[in-house]
Amino acid sequence: MSPGTMLGRLGGLRVLALVAGLLAVPGCASYQVTVPDSDPIQLEGQDDPYVVKTMHAYFWGLVLDPQVLAAECQGQGINDVVIDRTLGHDVASVFTLGIWMPMDVRFRCKAPPTRGGDFPVSPSE
């Protein structure tokens, strides 16, 4: 094997290691929308504070899956939404020339309003 071939293989392995390392990077971009009087609640049976769903856009956004993401918040509404795009998502979008564009969507539900009332009065002595 010639020295040039050996250097070419080492360069290819370095590039492959670099690409694999970049795919392991956890986050690239994160967008958050929240309401001013933020008061989130974690629903019963929910393990994480956020409900996480992956949405996909196909053919440059002409087809969306799911087209509408239903947030089951038991009638309380959404407290905040976070959209995450990782390097892996971006690489998939670039390699498929925009035919497949995944993204993670996280949301939390809003806590129900508390009922007003009078403060308890301590008994006078």
N, C-alpha and C. Protein backbone atom coordinates (compact mmCIF):
# COMPACT_ATOMS: atom_id res chain seq x y z
N MET A 1 0.85 -1.18 0.00
CA MET A 1 0.00 0.00 0.00
C MET A 1 0.89 1.23 0.00
N SER A 2 0.60 2.18 -0.85
CA SER A 2 1.43 3.38 -0.96
C SER A 2 1.07 4.35 0.16
N PRO A 3 2.02 5.24 0.51
CA PRO A 3 1.75 6.23 1.58
C PRO A 3 0.57 7.14 1.25
N GLY A 4 0.37 7.46 -0.01
CA GLY A 4 -0.76 8.32 -0.39
C GLY A 4 -2.10 7.64 -0.13
N THR A 5 -2.17 6.33 -0.41
CA THR A 5 -3.41 5.58 -0.16
C THR A 5 -3.69 5.51 1.33
N MET A 6 -2.62 5.30 2.12
CA MET A 6 -2.78 5.21 3.57
C MET A 6 -3.28 6.54 4.13
N LEU A 7 -2.70 7.67 3.65
CA LEU A 7 -3.16 8.98 4.12
C LEU A 7 -4.59 9.25 3.71
N GLY A 8 -4.97 8.79 2.51
CA GLY A 8 -6.35 8.96 2.05
C GLY A 8 -7.33 8.22 2.94
N ARG A 9 -6.98 7.02 3.34
CA ARG A 9 -7.87 6.25 4.24
C ARG A 9 -7.96 6.89 5.62
N LEU A 10 -6.81 7.38 6.13
CA LEU A 10 -6.84 8.04 7.44
C LEU A 10 -7.68 9.30 7.39
N GLY A 11 -7.58 10.05 6.29
CA GLY A 11 -8.39 11.25 6.13
C GLY A 11 -9.87 10.92 6.07
N GLY A 12 -10.21 9.83 5.37
CA GLY A 12 -11.61 9.39 5.29
C GLY A 12 -12.14 8.97 6.65
N LEU A 13 -11.30 8.29 7.43
CA LEU A 13 -11.72 7.88 8.78
C LEU A 13 -11.91 9.09 9.68
N ARG A 14 -11.06 10.09 9.51
CA ARG A 14 -11.21 11.31 10.32
C ARG A 14 -12.51 12.03 9.99
N VAL A 15 -12.80 12.12 8.71
CA VAL A 15 -14.05 12.78 8.29
C VAL A 15 -15.25 11.99 8.82
N LEU A 16 -15.19 10.68 8.72
CA LEU A 16 -16.27 9.84 9.23
C LEU A 16 -16.44 10.02 10.74
N ALA A 17 -15.33 10.06 11.48
CA ALA A 17 -15.38 10.28 12.93
C ALA A 17 -15.94 11.66 13.25
N LEU A 18 -15.57 12.66 12.46
CA LEU A 18 -16.08 14.01 12.68
C LEU A 18 -17.59 14.08 12.44
N VAL A 19 -18.06 13.46 11.36
CA VAL A 19 -19.50 13.45 11.07
C VAL A 19 -20.25 12.71 12.17
N ALA A 20 -19.73 11.57 12.61
CA ALA A 20 -20.38 10.81 13.69
C ALA A 20 -20.42 11.63 14.97
N GLY A 21 -19.34 12.36 15.27
CA GLY A 21 -19.32 13.20 16.45
C GLY A 21 -20.31 14.35 16.37
N LEU A 22 -20.44 14.95 15.19
CA LEU A 22 -21.39 16.05 15.01
C LEU A 22 -22.83 15.58 15.14
N LEU A 23 -23.11 14.35 14.70
CA LEU A 23 -24.48 13.83 14.82
C LEU A 23 -24.87 13.60 16.27
N ALA A 24 -23.86 13.44 17.14
CA ALA A 24 -24.14 13.22 18.55
C ALA A 24 -24.40 14.51 19.31
N VAL A 25 -24.17 15.66 18.68
CA VAL A 25 -24.40 16.94 19.33
C VAL A 25 -25.90 17.05 19.63
N PRO A 26 -26.27 17.38 20.89
CA PRO A 26 -27.67 17.31 21.27
C PRO A 26 -28.59 18.36 20.66
N GLY A 27 -28.16 19.56 20.46
CA GLY A 27 -29.09 20.57 19.99
C GLY A 27 -28.48 21.53 19.01
N CYS A 28 -29.28 22.04 18.14
CA CYS A 28 -28.82 22.99 17.15
C CYS A 28 -29.61 24.29 17.27
N ALA A 29 -30.92 24.20 17.34
CA ALA A 29 -31.76 25.38 17.47
C ALA A 29 -33.00 25.01 18.26
N SER A 30 -33.45 25.94 19.08
CA SER A 30 -34.65 25.71 19.89
C SER A 30 -35.47 26.99 19.89
N TYR A 31 -36.76 26.86 19.60
CA TYR A 31 -37.68 28.01 19.58
C TYR A 31 -38.76 27.76 20.62
N GLN A 32 -39.08 28.78 21.43
CA GLN A 32 -40.09 28.62 22.47
C GLN A 32 -41.13 29.73 22.38
N VAL A 33 -42.39 29.32 22.53
CA VAL A 33 -43.50 30.26 22.60
C VAL A 33 -44.19 30.01 23.93
N THR A 34 -44.40 31.04 24.72
CA THR A 34 -45.03 30.88 26.01
C THR A 34 -45.99 32.05 26.27
N VAL A 35 -46.85 31.87 27.23
CA VAL A 35 -47.79 32.92 27.60
C VAL A 35 -47.18 33.74 28.74
N PRO A 36 -47.57 35.02 28.87
CA PRO A 36 -46.96 35.87 29.90
C PRO A 36 -47.17 35.36 31.32
N ASP A 37 -48.36 34.87 31.64
CA ASP A 37 -48.63 34.40 33.00
C ASP A 37 -48.45 32.88 33.06
N SER A 38 -47.24 32.43 32.77
CA SER A 38 -46.93 31.02 32.66
C SER A 38 -47.16 30.28 33.98
N ASP A 39 -48.01 29.26 33.94
CA ASP A 39 -48.27 28.41 35.10
C ASP A 39 -48.51 26.99 34.59
N PRO A 40 -47.43 26.25 34.31
CA PRO A 40 -47.61 24.91 33.72
C PRO A 40 -48.02 23.88 34.75
N ILE A 41 -48.56 22.78 34.24
CA ILE A 41 -48.94 21.66 35.09
C ILE A 41 -48.48 20.38 34.41
N GLN A 42 -48.10 19.41 35.20
CA GLN A 42 -47.75 18.09 34.67
C GLN A 42 -48.97 17.19 34.89
N LEU A 43 -49.52 16.71 33.78
CA LEU A 43 -50.73 15.92 33.85
C LEU A 43 -50.48 14.58 34.52
N GLU A 44 -51.53 14.03 35.10
CA GLU A 44 -51.42 12.74 35.78
C GLU A 44 -51.02 11.66 34.77
N GLY A 45 -50.05 10.84 35.16
CA GLY A 45 -49.57 9.78 34.30
C GLY A 45 -48.49 10.22 33.32
N GLN A 46 -48.11 11.47 33.37
CA GLN A 46 -47.09 12.02 32.47
C GLN A 46 -45.75 11.98 33.20
N ASP A 47 -44.74 11.36 32.58
CA ASP A 47 -43.44 11.20 33.24
C ASP A 47 -42.59 12.47 33.18
N ASP A 48 -42.57 13.13 32.05
CA ASP A 48 -41.74 14.33 31.86
C ASP A 48 -42.59 15.58 31.96
N PRO A 49 -41.97 16.72 32.27
CA PRO A 49 -42.74 17.97 32.31
C PRO A 49 -43.35 18.31 30.95
N TYR A 50 -42.66 17.97 29.87
CA TYR A 50 -43.14 18.27 28.52
C TYR A 50 -43.64 17.00 27.83
N VAL A 51 -44.66 17.15 27.02
CA VAL A 51 -45.09 16.09 26.10
C VAL A 51 -44.27 16.30 24.84
N VAL A 52 -43.61 15.24 24.37
CA VAL A 52 -42.71 15.36 23.21
C VAL A 52 -43.30 14.58 22.04
N LYS A 53 -43.41 15.23 20.90
CA LYS A 53 -43.88 14.61 19.66
C LYS A 53 -42.90 14.98 18.55
N THR A 54 -42.73 14.08 17.60
CA THR A 54 -41.90 14.37 16.43
C THR A 54 -42.83 14.61 15.25
N MET A 55 -42.61 15.74 14.58
CA MET A 55 -43.38 16.08 13.39
C MET A 55 -42.47 15.99 12.18
N HIS A 56 -43.04 15.67 11.04
CA HIS A 56 -42.27 15.52 9.82
C HIS A 56 -42.91 16.36 8.71
N ALA A 57 -42.07 17.02 7.94
CA ALA A 57 -42.53 17.70 6.73
C ALA A 57 -41.88 16.98 5.56
N TYR A 58 -42.69 16.66 4.57
CA TYR A 58 -42.21 15.96 3.39
C TYR A 58 -42.39 16.85 2.17
N PHE A 59 -41.51 16.68 1.22
CA PHE A 59 -41.58 17.39 -0.06
C PHE A 59 -41.70 18.90 0.13
N TRP A 60 -40.71 19.45 0.85
CA TRP A 60 -40.54 20.87 1.05
C TRP A 60 -41.74 21.52 1.74
N GLY A 61 -42.37 20.77 2.63
CA GLY A 61 -43.48 21.30 3.41
C GLY A 61 -44.84 21.12 2.79
N LEU A 62 -44.91 20.44 1.65
CA LEU A 62 -46.21 20.23 1.00
C LEU A 62 -47.05 19.19 1.75
N VAL A 63 -46.39 18.23 2.42
CA VAL A 63 -47.09 17.20 3.18
C VAL A 63 -46.56 17.24 4.60
N LEU A 64 -47.44 17.36 5.58
CA LEU A 64 -47.06 17.41 6.99
C LEU A 64 -47.60 16.19 7.71
N ASP A 65 -46.79 15.61 8.61
CA ASP A 65 -47.22 14.44 9.38
C ASP A 65 -46.81 14.61 10.83
N PRO A 66 -47.68 14.78 11.77
CA PRO A 66 -49.11 15.01 11.58
C PRO A 66 -49.34 16.43 11.09
N GLN A 67 -50.44 16.62 10.37
CA GLN A 67 -50.75 17.95 9.85
C GLN A 67 -51.14 18.88 11.00
N VAL A 68 -51.89 18.35 11.96
CA VAL A 68 -52.26 19.10 13.16
C VAL A 68 -51.89 18.25 14.35
N LEU A 69 -51.12 18.81 15.27
CA LEU A 69 -50.73 18.10 16.48
C LEU A 69 -51.75 18.43 17.57
N ALA A 70 -52.49 17.44 18.00
CA ALA A 70 -53.52 17.65 19.02
C ALA A 70 -52.88 17.63 20.40
N ALA A 71 -53.09 18.67 21.16
CA ALA A 71 -52.57 18.76 22.52
C ALA A 71 -53.71 18.41 23.48
N GLU A 72 -53.60 17.26 24.12
CA GLU A 72 -54.62 16.81 25.07
C GLU A 72 -54.32 17.44 26.43
N CYS A 73 -54.93 18.58 26.70
CA CYS A 73 -54.68 19.32 27.94
C CYS A 73 -55.91 19.37 28.85
N GLN A 74 -56.83 18.46 28.66
CA GLN A 74 -58.03 18.36 29.49
C GLN A 74 -58.76 19.70 29.60
N GLY A 75 -58.84 20.41 28.47
CA GLY A 75 -59.59 21.65 28.42
C GLY A 75 -58.89 22.87 29.00
N GLN A 76 -57.63 22.75 29.40
CA GLN A 76 -56.95 23.86 30.06
C GLN A 76 -56.13 24.71 29.10
N GLY A 77 -55.84 24.23 27.92
CA GLY A 77 -55.04 24.99 26.97
C GLY A 77 -53.56 24.73 27.14
N ILE A 78 -52.79 25.27 26.23
CA ILE A 78 -51.34 25.07 26.21
C ILE A 78 -50.65 26.19 26.96
N ASN A 79 -49.68 25.83 27.79
CA ASN A 79 -48.89 26.81 28.53
C ASN A 79 -47.72 27.31 27.69
N ASP A 80 -46.95 26.40 27.11
CA ASP A 80 -45.85 26.78 26.25
C ASP A 80 -45.50 25.67 25.28
N VAL A 81 -44.87 26.07 24.17
CA VAL A 81 -44.47 25.16 23.10
C VAL A 81 -43.00 25.41 22.81
N VAL A 82 -42.22 24.32 22.65
CA VAL A 82 -40.81 24.42 22.28
C VAL A 82 -40.60 23.56 21.05
N ILE A 83 -39.97 24.13 20.03
CA ILE A 83 -39.65 23.40 18.80
C ILE A 83 -38.14 23.25 18.74
N ASP A 84 -37.68 22.00 18.66
CA ASP A 84 -36.25 21.70 18.64
C ASP A 84 -35.84 21.19 17.27
N ARG A 85 -34.73 21.73 16.77
CA ARG A 85 -34.09 21.23 15.55
C ARG A 85 -32.68 20.84 15.93
N THR A 86 -32.34 19.56 15.78
CA THR A 86 -31.00 19.10 16.10
C THR A 86 -30.16 19.04 14.83
N LEU A 87 -28.89 18.80 15.02
CA LEU A 87 -28.00 18.66 13.88
C LEU A 87 -28.42 17.45 13.04
N GLY A 88 -28.85 16.39 13.70
CA GLY A 88 -29.34 15.21 12.97
C GLY A 88 -30.54 15.55 12.09
N HIS A 89 -31.46 16.36 12.61
CA HIS A 89 -32.60 16.81 11.80
C HIS A 89 -32.13 17.60 10.59
N ASP A 90 -31.17 18.50 10.81
CA ASP A 90 -30.69 19.33 9.71
C ASP A 90 -29.93 18.50 8.67
N VAL A 91 -29.14 17.54 9.14
CA VAL A 91 -28.42 16.67 8.20
C VAL A 91 -29.40 15.86 7.36
N ALA A 92 -30.46 15.34 8.00
CA ALA A 92 -31.48 14.59 7.25
C ALA A 92 -32.14 15.49 6.21
N SER A 93 -32.41 16.73 6.56
CA SER A 93 -33.03 17.66 5.62
C SER A 93 -32.10 17.96 4.44
N VAL A 94 -30.80 18.14 4.73
CA VAL A 94 -29.85 18.46 3.67
C VAL A 94 -29.63 17.25 2.76
N PHE A 95 -29.40 16.07 3.36
CA PHE A 95 -29.13 14.88 2.54
C PHE A 95 -30.31 14.48 1.66
N THR A 96 -31.53 14.76 2.11
CA THR A 96 -32.70 14.43 1.29
C THR A 96 -33.16 15.62 0.45
N LEU A 97 -32.36 16.69 0.45
CA LEU A 97 -32.68 17.90 -0.32
C LEU A 97 -34.05 18.48 0.04
N GLY A 98 -34.41 18.38 1.31
CA GLY A 98 -35.68 18.94 1.79
C GLY A 98 -36.87 18.04 1.60
N ILE A 99 -36.66 16.84 1.11
CA ILE A 99 -37.79 15.92 0.92
C ILE A 99 -38.32 15.45 2.28
N TRP A 100 -37.42 15.31 3.28
CA TRP A 100 -37.85 14.92 4.64
C TRP A 100 -37.22 15.88 5.62
N MET A 101 -38.05 16.55 6.42
CA MET A 101 -37.57 17.51 7.41
C MET A 101 -38.24 17.24 8.76
N PRO A 102 -37.57 16.49 9.63
CA PRO A 102 -38.15 16.20 10.95
C PRO A 102 -37.87 17.33 11.95
N MET A 103 -38.68 17.41 13.00
CA MET A 103 -38.44 18.32 14.11
C MET A 103 -39.19 17.79 15.34
N ASP A 104 -38.66 18.09 16.52
CA ASP A 104 -39.31 17.69 17.76
C ASP A 104 -40.11 18.86 18.31
N VAL A 105 -41.33 18.58 18.73
CA VAL A 105 -42.20 19.60 19.31
C VAL A 105 -42.51 19.17 20.74
N ARG A 106 -42.26 20.07 21.70
CA ARG A 106 -42.57 19.80 23.10
C ARG A 106 -43.58 20.84 23.58
N PHE A 107 -44.53 20.41 24.40
CA PHE A 107 -45.48 21.37 24.96
C PHE A 107 -45.86 20.98 26.38
N ARG A 108 -46.29 21.99 27.14
CA ARG A 108 -46.82 21.77 28.49
C ARG A 108 -48.21 22.37 28.55
N CYS A 109 -49.04 21.76 29.36
CA CYS A 109 -50.40 22.25 29.54
C CYS A 109 -50.44 23.31 30.63
N LYS A 110 -51.44 24.16 30.55
CA LYS A 110 -51.63 25.22 31.54
C LYS A 110 -52.38 24.69 32.74
N ALA A 111 -51.99 25.14 33.90
CA ALA A 111 -52.66 24.74 35.13
C ALA A 111 -54.05 25.38 35.20
N PRO A 112 -55.01 24.68 35.79
CA PRO A 112 -56.34 25.28 35.92
C PRO A 112 -56.28 26.49 36.85
N PRO A 113 -57.18 27.45 36.65
CA PRO A 113 -57.15 28.63 37.52
C PRO A 113 -57.53 28.25 38.96
N THR A 114 -56.93 28.95 39.87
CA THR A 114 -57.25 28.71 41.28
C THR A 114 -58.48 29.53 41.64
N ARG A 115 -59.23 29.03 42.56
CA ARG A 115 -60.43 29.75 43.00
C ARG A 115 -60.05 30.76 44.06
N GLY A 116 -60.59 31.93 43.90
CA GLY A 116 -60.34 32.97 44.88
C GLY A 116 -61.15 32.69 46.15
N GLY A 117 -60.80 33.37 47.15
CA GLY A 117 -61.52 33.19 48.42
C GLY A 117 -60.95 34.13 49.47
N ASP A 118 -61.55 34.07 50.61
CA ASP A 118 -61.09 34.90 51.72
C ASP A 118 -59.95 34.19 52.45
N PHE A 119 -59.04 35.01 52.97
CA PHE A 119 -57.98 34.45 53.78
C PHE A 119 -58.58 34.04 55.12
N PRO A 120 -58.14 32.94 55.65
CA PRO A 120 -58.65 32.55 56.96
C PRO A 120 -58.22 33.54 58.04
N VAL A 121 -59.12 33.81 58.95
CA VAL A 121 -58.84 34.75 60.03
C VAL A 121 -58.49 33.93 61.27
N SER A 122 -57.40 34.31 61.90
CA SER A 122 -57.01 33.58 63.10
C SER A 122 -57.95 33.97 64.25
N PRO A 123 -58.28 33.01 65.11
CA PRO A 123 -59.16 33.34 66.24
C PRO A 123 -58.49 34.33 67.19
N SER A 124 -59.23 35.32 67.60
CA SER A 124 -58.65 36.31 68.51
C SER A 124 -58.68 35.75 69.93
N GLU A 125 -57.65 36.14 70.65
CA GLU A 125 -57.54 35.63 72.04
C GLU A 125 -58.04 36.61 73.02
